Amino acid sequence: MLRGLFYLLLVKPLVLFLIGLNVRGRQYLPSAGPAIVVANHNSHLDTLVLMSLFPQALLADAHPVAAADYFFRNRCLKWFALRIIGIVPIDRRPAAVGGDTLTPLLRALDHGKILLLFPEGSRGAPEQLGKFKSGIAHLLSKRPEVPVIPVFFSGLGKCLPKGEFVLVPFFVDVFIAPALAWNGSRPAFMAELAHAFALLRDEAQPLPFDGA
């Protein structure tokens, strides 16, 4: 209840009136889970904007994946992350407690959830696409039937980049690609994912002005 109201009354108006999105390929977003949506990571706002792309009826099944050690630093932040943002927490050091980082993600997928992942890991420099970590390929190797939908943000890194705390209204383009399927090889899948993002990044680049 609170989570739905948060996105309906705060996040969506923020995105609509202060940022403004031009979304291309919205039809490729999953209409049901299990599914994985992956996006580039340049801004504090990435997760909220990504969530805003889904209709209100799907929000209960869409969950960002986030590091437990960061969001569980205190009780208030933990409550907000779990109950309002709706994260699926992962332990980045599972060996210390004898666990497996992928366990909560696999459980969520098995319950028909849509996971939101940022394969770069931490936020990068504004408008720069970093190297992807291979965790997504490890996850897919265990659930090969789950589709992966790439999403590329252009301009969002200028709104609220890493290290900044003042929102700068800036129009954002969102490019969504058709779903990728597991191809049986971790290196080959990571190469295919990187290629998909490169194509989206190229699509986001403005055409050169020839002066005509």
N, C-alpha and C. Protein backbone atom coordinates (compact mmCIF):
# COMPACT_ATOMS: atom_id res chain seq x y z
N MET A 1 0.82 -1.20 0.00
CA MET A 1 0.00 0.00 0.00
C MET A 1 0.86 1.26 0.00
N LEU A 2 1.77 1.36 1.00
CA LEU A 2 2.64 2.53 1.09
C LEU A 2 3.56 2.62 -0.12
N ARG A 3 4.03 1.46 -0.55
CA ARG A 3 4.94 1.45 -1.71
C ARG A 3 4.23 1.97 -2.96
N GLY A 4 3.03 1.51 -3.20
CA GLY A 4 2.28 1.97 -4.35
C GLY A 4 2.01 3.46 -4.32
N LEU A 5 1.68 3.97 -3.14
CA LEU A 5 1.42 5.41 -3.00
C LEU A 5 2.69 6.22 -3.22
N PHE A 6 3.81 5.70 -2.75
CA PHE A 6 5.09 6.40 -2.92
C PHE A 6 5.39 6.61 -4.40
N TYR A 7 5.23 5.55 -5.19
CA TYR A 7 5.53 5.67 -6.62
C TYR A 7 4.47 6.47 -7.36
N LEU A 8 3.22 6.33 -6.95
CA LEU A 8 2.14 7.03 -7.62
C LEU A 8 2.15 8.53 -7.34
N LEU A 9 2.34 8.89 -6.06
CA LEU A 9 2.19 10.29 -5.66
C LEU A 9 3.49 11.08 -5.63
N LEU A 10 4.62 10.41 -5.57
CA LEU A 10 5.89 11.12 -5.49
C LEU A 10 6.79 10.88 -6.69
N VAL A 11 7.07 9.60 -6.97
CA VAL A 11 8.05 9.27 -8.01
C VAL A 11 7.56 9.64 -9.40
N LYS A 12 6.36 9.22 -9.75
CA LYS A 12 5.87 9.47 -11.11
C LYS A 12 5.68 10.96 -11.39
N PRO A 13 5.12 11.76 -10.46
CA PRO A 13 5.08 13.21 -10.70
C PRO A 13 6.46 13.84 -10.82
N LEU A 14 7.42 13.36 -10.01
CA LEU A 14 8.78 13.87 -10.10
C LEU A 14 9.36 13.63 -11.49
N VAL A 15 9.19 12.41 -11.97
CA VAL A 15 9.72 12.05 -13.29
C VAL A 15 9.00 12.81 -14.39
N LEU A 16 7.69 12.96 -14.25
CA LEU A 16 6.89 13.57 -15.30
C LEU A 16 7.12 15.08 -15.40
N PHE A 17 7.15 15.76 -14.26
CA PHE A 17 7.16 17.23 -14.28
C PHE A 17 8.56 17.85 -14.10
N LEU A 18 9.46 17.18 -13.39
CA LEU A 18 10.78 17.76 -13.16
C LEU A 18 11.85 17.23 -14.12
N ILE A 19 11.65 16.01 -14.60
CA ILE A 19 12.66 15.44 -15.50
C ILE A 19 12.11 15.37 -16.92
N GLY A 20 11.08 14.61 -17.11
CA GLY A 20 10.53 14.43 -18.46
C GLY A 20 11.26 13.32 -19.19
N LEU A 21 10.54 12.33 -19.63
CA LEU A 21 11.14 11.19 -20.30
C LEU A 21 10.64 11.05 -21.72
N ASN A 22 11.56 10.74 -22.61
CA ASN A 22 11.21 10.34 -23.97
C ASN A 22 11.59 8.87 -24.10
N VAL A 23 10.61 8.00 -24.07
CA VAL A 23 10.85 6.56 -24.01
C VAL A 23 10.66 5.94 -25.38
N ARG A 24 11.68 5.23 -25.84
CA ARG A 24 11.61 4.52 -27.11
C ARG A 24 11.77 3.03 -26.87
N GLY A 25 10.84 2.27 -27.40
CA GLY A 25 10.87 0.82 -27.21
C GLY A 25 10.14 0.35 -25.97
N ARG A 26 9.20 1.15 -25.48
CA ARG A 26 8.47 0.78 -24.26
C ARG A 26 7.80 -0.58 -24.40
N GLN A 27 7.45 -0.95 -25.61
CA GLN A 27 6.75 -2.22 -25.84
C GLN A 27 7.60 -3.43 -25.48
N TYR A 28 8.91 -3.22 -25.35
CA TYR A 28 9.80 -4.32 -25.01
C TYR A 28 9.88 -4.59 -23.51
N LEU A 29 9.35 -3.69 -22.69
CA LEU A 29 9.35 -3.94 -21.25
C LEU A 29 8.49 -5.17 -20.95
N PRO A 30 8.88 -5.96 -19.96
CA PRO A 30 8.09 -7.16 -19.64
C PRO A 30 6.73 -6.79 -19.07
N SER A 31 5.72 -7.53 -19.46
CA SER A 31 4.37 -7.32 -18.93
C SER A 31 4.08 -8.25 -17.77
N ALA A 32 5.02 -9.15 -17.50
CA ALA A 32 4.89 -10.09 -16.38
C ALA A 32 6.26 -10.70 -16.11
N GLY A 33 6.42 -11.27 -14.94
CA GLY A 33 7.65 -11.95 -14.61
C GLY A 33 7.50 -13.45 -14.76
N PRO A 34 8.58 -14.19 -14.63
CA PRO A 34 9.91 -13.69 -14.27
C PRO A 34 10.60 -13.01 -15.44
N ALA A 35 11.36 -11.99 -15.14
CA ALA A 35 12.13 -11.27 -16.14
C ALA A 35 13.21 -10.46 -15.42
N ILE A 36 14.21 -10.05 -16.19
CA ILE A 36 15.29 -9.22 -15.65
C ILE A 36 15.45 -8.01 -16.56
N VAL A 37 15.40 -6.83 -15.97
CA VAL A 37 15.64 -5.59 -16.70
C VAL A 37 16.99 -5.04 -16.25
N VAL A 38 17.89 -4.78 -17.20
CA VAL A 38 19.22 -4.27 -16.86
C VAL A 38 19.39 -2.88 -17.46
N ALA A 39 20.04 -1.99 -16.71
CA ALA A 39 20.20 -0.61 -17.15
C ALA A 39 21.57 -0.08 -16.78
N ASN A 40 22.01 0.96 -17.49
CA ASN A 40 23.25 1.64 -17.13
C ASN A 40 23.01 2.45 -15.86
N HIS A 41 24.11 2.76 -15.15
CA HIS A 41 23.98 3.31 -13.79
C HIS A 41 24.86 4.55 -13.64
N ASN A 42 24.24 5.74 -13.76
CA ASN A 42 24.98 7.00 -13.67
C ASN A 42 24.44 7.97 -12.64
N SER A 43 23.29 7.66 -12.06
CA SER A 43 22.60 8.67 -11.25
C SER A 43 21.95 8.05 -10.02
N HIS A 44 21.75 8.88 -8.99
CA HIS A 44 20.98 8.47 -7.82
C HIS A 44 19.54 8.13 -8.21
N LEU A 45 19.08 8.67 -9.33
CA LEU A 45 17.68 8.52 -9.74
C LEU A 45 17.41 7.31 -10.61
N ASP A 46 18.44 6.56 -10.98
CA ASP A 46 18.28 5.46 -11.93
C ASP A 46 17.17 4.50 -11.52
N THR A 47 17.20 4.06 -10.27
CA THR A 47 16.23 3.07 -9.81
C THR A 47 14.80 3.62 -9.87
N LEU A 48 14.62 4.84 -9.38
CA LEU A 48 13.27 5.41 -9.36
C LEU A 48 12.72 5.64 -10.77
N VAL A 49 13.58 6.12 -11.67
CA VAL A 49 13.13 6.34 -13.04
C VAL A 49 12.81 5.01 -13.72
N LEU A 50 13.63 4.01 -13.47
CA LEU A 50 13.37 2.70 -14.05
C LEU A 50 12.05 2.13 -13.54
N MET A 51 11.78 2.29 -12.26
CA MET A 51 10.52 1.82 -11.71
C MET A 51 9.34 2.58 -12.30
N SER A 52 9.53 3.86 -12.59
CA SER A 52 8.44 4.68 -13.11
C SER A 52 7.99 4.26 -14.49
N LEU A 53 8.79 3.46 -15.19
CA LEU A 53 8.44 3.02 -16.53
C LEU A 53 7.34 1.95 -16.52
N PHE A 54 7.16 1.33 -15.36
CA PHE A 54 6.17 0.24 -15.26
C PHE A 54 4.80 0.78 -14.87
N PRO A 55 3.75 0.17 -15.39
CA PRO A 55 2.41 0.56 -14.95
C PRO A 55 2.22 0.25 -13.47
N GLN A 56 1.32 0.99 -12.83
CA GLN A 56 1.11 0.85 -11.39
C GLN A 56 0.78 -0.59 -11.00
N ALA A 57 0.06 -1.30 -11.87
CA ALA A 57 -0.35 -2.67 -11.55
C ALA A 57 0.82 -3.63 -11.46
N LEU A 58 1.97 -3.29 -12.08
CA LEU A 58 3.13 -4.18 -12.08
C LEU A 58 4.14 -3.85 -10.98
N LEU A 59 3.96 -2.74 -10.29
CA LEU A 59 4.96 -2.31 -9.31
C LEU A 59 5.18 -3.34 -8.21
N ALA A 60 4.14 -4.05 -7.83
CA ALA A 60 4.27 -5.04 -6.76
C ALA A 60 5.20 -6.18 -7.14
N ASP A 61 5.38 -6.39 -8.45
CA ASP A 61 6.23 -7.49 -8.91
C ASP A 61 7.60 -7.02 -9.41
N ALA A 62 7.86 -5.71 -9.41
CA ALA A 62 9.14 -5.18 -9.89
C ALA A 62 10.01 -4.79 -8.70
N HIS A 63 11.24 -5.32 -8.67
CA HIS A 63 12.10 -5.12 -7.50
C HIS A 63 13.54 -4.81 -7.91
N PRO A 64 14.05 -3.66 -7.51
CA PRO A 64 15.48 -3.38 -7.74
C PRO A 64 16.35 -4.31 -6.88
N VAL A 65 17.47 -4.70 -7.43
CA VAL A 65 18.46 -5.48 -6.68
C VAL A 65 19.48 -4.52 -6.11
N ALA A 66 19.75 -4.62 -4.80
CA ALA A 66 20.64 -3.66 -4.16
C ALA A 66 21.45 -4.34 -3.07
N ALA A 67 22.58 -3.73 -2.73
CA ALA A 67 23.50 -4.29 -1.74
C ALA A 67 22.96 -4.12 -0.33
N ALA A 68 22.89 -5.21 0.41
CA ALA A 68 22.38 -5.16 1.78
C ALA A 68 23.28 -4.33 2.68
N ASP A 69 24.59 -4.41 2.49
CA ASP A 69 25.49 -3.68 3.38
C ASP A 69 25.33 -2.17 3.25
N TYR A 70 24.86 -1.70 2.11
CA TYR A 70 24.64 -0.26 1.91
C TYR A 70 23.29 0.17 2.47
N PHE A 71 22.24 -0.58 2.16
CA PHE A 71 20.90 -0.16 2.52
C PHE A 71 20.46 -0.63 3.90
N PHE A 72 21.24 -1.50 4.53
CA PHE A 72 20.89 -1.97 5.87
C PHE A 72 21.77 -1.32 6.93
N ARG A 73 22.27 -0.12 6.66
CA ARG A 73 23.18 0.55 7.60
C ARG A 73 22.47 0.97 8.88
N ASN A 74 21.18 1.24 8.80
CA ASN A 74 20.42 1.57 9.99
C ASN A 74 18.97 1.12 9.78
N ARG A 75 18.20 1.13 10.84
CA ARG A 75 16.84 0.58 10.78
C ARG A 75 15.93 1.37 9.85
N CYS A 76 16.04 2.69 9.89
CA CYS A 76 15.16 3.51 9.06
C CYS A 76 15.42 3.29 7.57
N LEU A 77 16.70 3.28 7.20
CA LEU A 77 17.06 3.06 5.80
C LEU A 77 16.66 1.66 5.35
N LYS A 78 16.87 0.69 6.21
CA LYS A 78 16.48 -0.69 5.88
C LYS A 78 14.99 -0.79 5.64
N TRP A 79 14.19 -0.18 6.54
CA TRP A 79 12.74 -0.21 6.38
C TRP A 79 12.33 0.45 5.07
N PHE A 80 12.91 1.62 4.77
CA PHE A 80 12.56 2.34 3.55
C PHE A 80 12.94 1.54 2.31
N ALA A 81 14.13 0.92 2.33
CA ALA A 81 14.60 0.15 1.17
C ALA A 81 13.71 -1.06 0.91
N LEU A 82 13.32 -1.75 1.97
CA LEU A 82 12.54 -2.97 1.81
C LEU A 82 11.06 -2.69 1.56
N ARG A 83 10.47 -1.77 2.34
CA ARG A 83 9.04 -1.58 2.31
C ARG A 83 8.57 -0.56 1.27
N ILE A 84 9.40 0.42 0.99
CA ILE A 84 8.98 1.48 0.07
C ILE A 84 9.63 1.30 -1.32
N ILE A 85 10.96 1.22 -1.36
CA ILE A 85 11.62 1.00 -2.65
C ILE A 85 11.36 -0.41 -3.14
N GLY A 86 11.32 -1.37 -2.22
CA GLY A 86 11.02 -2.75 -2.59
C GLY A 86 12.22 -3.52 -3.10
N ILE A 87 13.41 -3.26 -2.54
CA ILE A 87 14.61 -3.92 -3.04
C ILE A 87 14.62 -5.41 -2.70
N VAL A 88 15.36 -6.15 -3.52
CA VAL A 88 15.78 -7.50 -3.17
C VAL A 88 17.24 -7.36 -2.72
N PRO A 89 17.52 -7.53 -1.45
CA PRO A 89 18.89 -7.30 -0.96
C PRO A 89 19.80 -8.48 -1.27
N ILE A 90 21.04 -8.17 -1.61
CA ILE A 90 22.04 -9.21 -1.81
C ILE A 90 23.24 -8.93 -0.92
N ASP A 91 23.88 -9.98 -0.48
CA ASP A 91 25.09 -9.87 0.33
C ASP A 91 26.29 -9.96 -0.60
N ARG A 92 27.06 -8.89 -0.68
CA ARG A 92 28.21 -8.87 -1.59
C ARG A 92 29.39 -9.67 -1.07
N ARG A 93 29.29 -10.15 0.17
CA ARG A 93 30.33 -11.00 0.74
C ARG A 93 29.70 -12.25 1.34
N PRO A 94 29.05 -13.07 0.51
CA PRO A 94 28.31 -14.22 1.04
C PRO A 94 29.19 -15.26 1.70
N ALA A 95 30.46 -15.33 1.28
CA ALA A 95 31.36 -16.34 1.86
C ALA A 95 31.53 -16.14 3.35
N ALA A 96 31.39 -14.88 3.80
CA ALA A 96 31.59 -14.58 5.22
C ALA A 96 30.51 -15.22 6.08
N VAL A 97 29.34 -15.47 5.51
CA VAL A 97 28.25 -16.08 6.27
C VAL A 97 27.83 -17.43 5.68
N GLY A 98 28.65 -17.95 4.77
CA GLY A 98 28.37 -19.25 4.18
C GLY A 98 27.18 -19.28 3.25
N GLY A 99 26.89 -18.16 2.58
CA GLY A 99 25.72 -18.10 1.71
C GLY A 99 26.08 -17.96 0.25
N ASP A 100 25.06 -17.70 -0.57
CA ASP A 100 25.22 -17.54 -2.01
C ASP A 100 24.54 -16.23 -2.41
N THR A 101 25.27 -15.34 -3.08
CA THR A 101 24.73 -14.05 -3.48
C THR A 101 23.47 -14.19 -4.31
N LEU A 102 23.41 -15.22 -5.13
CA LEU A 102 22.29 -15.36 -6.07
C LEU A 102 21.01 -15.91 -5.44
N THR A 103 21.08 -16.46 -4.25
CA THR A 103 19.92 -17.14 -3.66
C THR A 103 18.67 -16.27 -3.61
N PRO A 104 18.72 -15.03 -3.08
CA PRO A 104 17.49 -14.22 -3.06
C PRO A 104 16.99 -13.85 -4.44
N LEU A 105 17.90 -13.72 -5.41
CA LEU A 105 17.48 -13.38 -6.78
C LEU A 105 16.78 -14.58 -7.43
N LEU A 106 17.33 -15.75 -7.23
CA LEU A 106 16.71 -16.95 -7.78
C LEU A 106 15.33 -17.17 -7.17
N ARG A 107 15.23 -16.93 -5.86
CA ARG A 107 13.95 -17.09 -5.18
C ARG A 107 12.92 -16.11 -5.74
N ALA A 108 13.34 -14.88 -5.98
CA ALA A 108 12.42 -13.88 -6.52
C ALA A 108 11.95 -14.26 -7.92
N LEU A 109 12.87 -14.70 -8.76
CA LEU A 109 12.50 -15.12 -10.12
C LEU A 109 11.55 -16.31 -10.09
N ASP A 110 11.80 -17.23 -9.17
CA ASP A 110 10.93 -18.40 -9.06
C ASP A 110 9.52 -18.03 -8.61
N HIS A 111 9.39 -16.85 -8.01
CA HIS A 111 8.07 -16.36 -7.61
C HIS A 111 7.48 -15.39 -8.63
N GLY A 112 8.07 -15.36 -9.83
CA GLY A 112 7.51 -14.56 -10.91
C GLY A 112 7.78 -13.08 -10.83
N LYS A 113 8.87 -12.69 -10.18
CA LYS A 113 9.18 -11.27 -10.02
C LYS A 113 9.99 -10.74 -11.21
N ILE A 114 9.97 -9.40 -11.36
CA ILE A 114 10.79 -8.70 -12.35
C ILE A 114 11.93 -8.04 -11.58
N LEU A 115 13.15 -8.45 -11.86
CA LEU A 115 14.31 -7.90 -11.17
C LEU A 115 14.93 -6.77 -11.99
N LEU A 116 15.33 -5.70 -11.32
CA LEU A 116 15.99 -4.57 -11.96
C LEU A 116 17.44 -4.56 -11.53
N LEU A 117 18.33 -4.71 -12.49
CA LEU A 117 19.76 -4.85 -12.20
C LEU A 117 20.57 -3.78 -12.92
N PHE A 118 21.67 -3.38 -12.29
CA PHE A 118 22.64 -2.46 -12.89
C PHE A 118 23.97 -3.21 -13.00
N PRO A 119 24.26 -3.81 -14.16
CA PRO A 119 25.43 -4.68 -14.28
C PRO A 119 26.78 -3.98 -14.15
N GLU A 120 26.79 -2.64 -14.17
CA GLU A 120 28.04 -1.94 -13.91
C GLU A 120 28.42 -2.00 -12.43
N GLY A 121 27.46 -2.33 -11.58
CA GLY A 121 27.71 -2.37 -10.15
C GLY A 121 27.42 -1.02 -9.52
N SER A 122 28.43 -0.24 -9.24
CA SER A 122 28.25 1.08 -8.64
C SER A 122 28.03 2.13 -9.72
N ARG A 123 27.57 3.32 -9.29
CA ARG A 123 27.34 4.41 -10.24
C ARG A 123 28.66 4.86 -10.87
N GLY A 124 28.62 5.11 -12.17
CA GLY A 124 29.80 5.56 -12.89
C GLY A 124 29.76 7.05 -13.17
N ALA A 125 30.71 7.51 -13.96
CA ALA A 125 30.77 8.92 -14.34
C ALA A 125 29.57 9.27 -15.19
N PRO A 126 29.06 10.51 -15.08
CA PRO A 126 27.87 10.91 -15.84
C PRO A 126 28.00 10.63 -17.33
N GLU A 127 27.02 9.94 -17.85
CA GLU A 127 26.89 9.66 -19.29
C GLU A 127 27.99 8.75 -19.83
N GLN A 128 28.69 8.04 -18.94
CA GLN A 128 29.71 7.09 -19.37
C GLN A 128 29.23 5.67 -19.07
N LEU A 129 29.44 4.77 -20.02
CA LEU A 129 29.03 3.38 -19.85
C LEU A 129 30.24 2.56 -19.42
N GLY A 130 30.18 2.01 -18.20
CA GLY A 130 31.30 1.25 -17.66
C GLY A 130 31.26 -0.22 -18.07
N LYS A 131 32.25 -0.96 -17.59
CA LYS A 131 32.34 -2.38 -17.88
C LYS A 131 31.33 -3.15 -17.04
N PHE A 132 30.66 -4.11 -17.65
CA PHE A 132 29.65 -4.89 -16.95
C PHE A 132 30.29 -6.02 -16.14
N LYS A 133 29.73 -6.25 -14.96
CA LYS A 133 30.14 -7.41 -14.15
C LYS A 133 29.38 -8.63 -14.64
N SER A 134 29.94 -9.80 -14.41
CA SER A 134 29.40 -11.03 -15.00
C SER A 134 28.32 -11.69 -14.15
N GLY A 135 27.90 -11.05 -13.05
CA GLY A 135 26.89 -11.67 -12.19
C GLY A 135 25.61 -12.01 -12.91
N ILE A 136 25.19 -11.15 -13.86
CA ILE A 136 23.97 -11.40 -14.61
C ILE A 136 24.06 -12.71 -15.39
N ALA A 137 25.25 -13.02 -15.93
CA ALA A 137 25.43 -14.27 -16.67
C ALA A 137 25.37 -15.47 -15.74
N HIS A 138 25.94 -15.35 -14.54
CA HIS A 138 25.86 -16.43 -13.56
C HIS A 138 24.40 -16.69 -13.19
N LEU A 139 23.65 -15.62 -13.01
CA LEU A 139 22.23 -15.76 -12.66
C LEU A 139 21.47 -16.46 -13.78
N LEU A 140 21.70 -16.05 -15.01
CA LEU A 140 20.98 -16.65 -16.14
C LEU A 140 21.37 -18.11 -16.38
N SER A 141 22.59 -18.45 -16.06
CA SER A 141 23.00 -19.84 -16.25
C SER A 141 22.19 -20.78 -15.36
N LYS A 142 21.62 -20.24 -14.27
CA LYS A 142 20.79 -21.03 -13.36
C LYS A 142 19.31 -20.93 -13.70
N ARG A 143 18.93 -19.86 -14.41
CA ARG A 143 17.54 -19.68 -14.84
C ARG A 143 17.54 -19.27 -16.31
N PRO A 144 17.93 -20.19 -17.21
CA PRO A 144 18.13 -19.83 -18.63
C PRO A 144 16.87 -19.42 -19.36
N GLU A 145 15.71 -19.71 -18.80
CA GLU A 145 14.45 -19.36 -19.49
C GLU A 145 14.03 -17.91 -19.27
N VAL A 146 14.71 -17.19 -18.40
CA VAL A 146 14.31 -15.83 -18.04
C VAL A 146 14.85 -14.82 -19.07
N PRO A 147 13.98 -13.97 -19.64
CA PRO A 147 14.44 -12.97 -20.62
C PRO A 147 15.13 -11.80 -19.92
N VAL A 148 16.05 -11.16 -20.65
CA VAL A 148 16.79 -10.00 -20.14
C VAL A 148 16.54 -8.83 -21.08
N ILE A 149 16.05 -7.72 -20.52
CA ILE A 149 15.69 -6.55 -21.33
C ILE A 149 16.66 -5.41 -21.03
N PRO A 150 17.47 -4.98 -22.00
CA PRO A 150 18.40 -3.87 -21.79
C PRO A 150 17.71 -2.51 -21.88
N VAL A 151 18.06 -1.61 -20.96
CA VAL A 151 17.53 -0.25 -20.94
C VAL A 151 18.69 0.72 -20.81
N PHE A 152 18.73 1.72 -21.70
CA PHE A 152 19.82 2.71 -21.68
C PHE A 152 19.25 4.09 -21.41
N PHE A 153 19.78 4.76 -20.37
CA PHE A 153 19.40 6.13 -20.04
C PHE A 153 20.40 7.10 -20.64
N SER A 154 19.90 8.12 -21.30
CA SER A 154 20.75 9.19 -21.82
C SER A 154 20.28 10.51 -21.23
N GLY A 155 21.16 11.18 -20.47
CA GLY A 155 20.81 12.45 -19.85
C GLY A 155 20.54 12.35 -18.37
N LEU A 156 20.25 11.16 -17.86
CA LEU A 156 19.92 11.02 -16.45
C LEU A 156 21.14 11.28 -15.57
N GLY A 157 22.32 10.99 -16.08
CA GLY A 157 23.54 11.24 -15.32
C GLY A 157 23.79 12.72 -15.07
N LYS A 158 23.12 13.58 -15.84
CA LYS A 158 23.26 15.03 -15.64
C LYS A 158 22.26 15.57 -14.62
N CYS A 159 21.23 14.79 -14.31
CA CYS A 159 20.19 15.26 -13.38
C CYS A 159 20.66 15.21 -11.92
N LEU A 160 21.23 14.07 -11.55
CA LEU A 160 21.69 13.89 -10.18
C LEU A 160 22.83 12.88 -10.19
N PRO A 161 24.01 13.29 -10.66
CA PRO A 161 25.12 12.35 -10.79
C PRO A 161 25.72 11.97 -9.45
N LYS A 162 26.61 11.00 -9.48
CA LYS A 162 27.30 10.55 -8.28
C LYS A 162 28.04 11.72 -7.63
N GLY A 163 27.87 11.85 -6.31
CA GLY A 163 28.54 12.92 -5.59
C GLY A 163 27.76 14.20 -5.50
N GLU A 164 26.62 14.30 -6.19
CA GLU A 164 25.79 15.51 -6.16
C GLU A 164 24.48 15.23 -5.42
N PHE A 165 23.91 16.27 -4.82
CA PHE A 165 22.69 16.09 -4.05
C PHE A 165 21.61 17.11 -4.43
N VAL A 166 21.85 17.87 -5.47
CA VAL A 166 20.88 18.85 -5.94
C VAL A 166 20.38 18.42 -7.31
N LEU A 167 19.07 18.22 -7.43
CA LEU A 167 18.49 17.78 -8.69
C LEU A 167 18.50 18.91 -9.71
N VAL A 168 19.03 18.61 -10.88
CA VAL A 168 19.03 19.55 -11.99
C VAL A 168 18.07 19.03 -13.05
N PRO A 169 16.94 19.69 -13.28
CA PRO A 169 16.00 19.23 -14.30
C PRO A 169 16.69 19.11 -15.66
N PHE A 170 16.55 17.95 -16.26
CA PHE A 170 17.19 17.71 -17.55
C PHE A 170 16.39 16.66 -18.28
N PHE A 171 16.08 16.92 -19.55
CA PHE A 171 15.27 15.98 -20.30
C PHE A 171 16.05 14.68 -20.54
N VAL A 172 15.40 13.56 -20.34
CA VAL A 172 16.06 12.25 -20.39
C VAL A 172 15.45 11.38 -21.49
N ASP A 173 16.31 10.77 -22.27
CA ASP A 173 15.89 9.79 -23.27
C ASP A 173 16.12 8.39 -22.72
N VAL A 174 15.15 7.52 -22.93
CA VAL A 174 15.23 6.14 -22.48
C VAL A 174 15.09 5.24 -23.70
N PHE A 175 16.06 4.36 -23.89
CA PHE A 175 16.07 3.46 -25.05
C PHE A 175 15.98 2.03 -24.53
N ILE A 176 15.00 1.28 -25.01
CA ILE A 176 14.76 -0.08 -24.55
C ILE A 176 14.90 -1.04 -25.73
N ALA A 177 15.66 -2.09 -25.53
CA ALA A 177 15.93 -3.06 -26.60
C ALA A 177 15.08 -4.31 -26.42
N PRO A 178 14.89 -5.06 -27.49
CA PRO A 178 14.19 -6.35 -27.36
C PRO A 178 14.93 -7.27 -26.39
N ALA A 179 14.19 -8.20 -25.81
CA ALA A 179 14.76 -9.10 -24.81
C ALA A 179 15.86 -9.98 -25.40
N LEU A 180 16.87 -10.22 -24.58
CA LEU A 180 17.94 -11.15 -24.92
C LEU A 180 17.66 -12.48 -24.24
N ALA A 181 18.03 -13.57 -24.91
CA ALA A 181 17.85 -14.91 -24.35
C ALA A 181 19.21 -15.50 -24.00
N TRP A 182 19.24 -16.33 -23.02
CA TRP A 182 20.48 -17.01 -22.62
C TRP A 182 20.99 -17.86 -23.78
N ASN A 183 22.27 -17.70 -24.10
CA ASN A 183 22.84 -18.41 -25.24
C ASN A 183 23.75 -19.57 -24.84
N GLY A 184 23.78 -19.90 -23.55
CA GLY A 184 24.52 -21.07 -23.10
C GLY A 184 25.95 -20.82 -22.69
N SER A 185 26.45 -19.61 -22.90
CA SER A 185 27.85 -19.31 -22.59
C SER A 185 27.92 -17.99 -21.85
N ARG A 186 28.57 -17.98 -20.70
CA ARG A 186 28.69 -16.74 -19.94
C ARG A 186 29.46 -15.66 -20.69
N PRO A 187 30.65 -15.97 -21.22
CA PRO A 187 31.37 -14.93 -21.97
C PRO A 187 30.59 -14.45 -23.20
N ALA A 188 29.96 -15.38 -23.91
CA ALA A 188 29.22 -15.00 -25.12
C ALA A 188 28.01 -14.15 -24.75
N PHE A 189 27.35 -14.47 -23.65
CA PHE A 189 26.20 -13.65 -23.27
C PHE A 189 26.63 -12.26 -22.85
N MET A 190 27.73 -12.15 -22.10
CA MET A 190 28.20 -10.83 -21.68
C MET A 190 28.59 -9.99 -22.90
N ALA A 191 29.17 -10.63 -23.91
CA ALA A 191 29.52 -9.92 -25.14
C ALA A 191 28.25 -9.46 -25.87
N GLU A 192 27.22 -10.31 -25.87
CA GLU A 192 25.96 -9.94 -26.52
C GLU A 192 25.27 -8.80 -25.78
N LEU A 193 25.33 -8.84 -24.45
CA LEU A 193 24.73 -7.77 -23.66
C LEU A 193 25.47 -6.45 -23.89
N ALA A 194 26.79 -6.50 -23.89
CA ALA A 194 27.57 -5.29 -24.14
C ALA A 194 27.28 -4.71 -25.52
N HIS A 195 27.10 -5.60 -26.50
CA HIS A 195 26.80 -5.15 -27.86
C HIS A 195 25.42 -4.49 -27.91
N ALA A 196 24.45 -5.05 -27.20
CA ALA A 196 23.11 -4.47 -27.17
C ALA A 196 23.15 -3.06 -26.58
N PHE A 197 23.93 -2.87 -25.53
CA PHE A 197 24.03 -1.55 -24.92
C PHE A 197 24.80 -0.58 -25.82
N ALA A 198 25.78 -1.08 -26.54
CA ALA A 198 26.51 -0.22 -27.46
C ALA A 198 25.58 0.30 -28.56
N LEU A 199 24.69 -0.56 -29.04
CA LEU A 199 23.73 -0.14 -30.06
C LEU A 199 22.76 0.91 -29.49
N LEU A 200 22.31 0.72 -28.26
CA LEU A 200 21.42 1.69 -27.65
C LEU A 200 22.14 3.02 -27.42
N ARG A 201 23.40 2.95 -27.01
CA ARG A 201 24.18 4.17 -26.80
C ARG A 201 24.37 4.91 -28.11
N ASP A 202 24.62 4.18 -29.17
CA ASP A 202 24.77 4.82 -30.49
C ASP A 202 23.46 5.46 -30.94
N GLU A 203 22.36 4.81 -30.62
CA GLU A 203 21.04 5.36 -30.97
C GLU A 203 20.78 6.65 -30.22
N ALA A 204 21.37 6.76 -29.03
CA ALA A 204 21.15 7.95 -28.20
C ALA A 204 22.00 9.15 -28.63
N GLN A 205 23.05 8.89 -29.43
CA GLN A 205 23.92 9.98 -29.85
C GLN A 205 23.21 10.87 -30.86
N PRO A 206 23.30 12.19 -30.70
CA PRO A 206 22.66 13.09 -31.67
C PRO A 206 23.35 13.01 -33.02
N LEU A 207 22.56 13.16 -34.08
CA LEU A 207 23.13 13.14 -35.42
C LEU A 207 24.01 14.38 -35.63
N PRO A 208 25.14 14.24 -36.33
CA PRO A 208 26.01 15.40 -36.56
C PRO A 208 25.33 16.46 -37.41
N PHE A 209 25.58 17.70 -37.08
CA PHE A 209 25.00 18.83 -37.85
C PHE A 209 25.92 19.16 -39.00
N ASP A 210 25.37 19.10 -40.23
CA ASP A 210 26.23 19.30 -41.41
C ASP A 210 26.19 20.74 -41.93
N GLY A 211 25.39 21.59 -41.24
CA GLY A 211 25.36 23.00 -41.64
C GLY A 211 24.47 23.29 -42.81
N ALA A 212 23.79 22.27 -43.33
CA ALA A 212 22.92 22.50 -44.51
C ALA A 212 21.64 23.16 -44.09
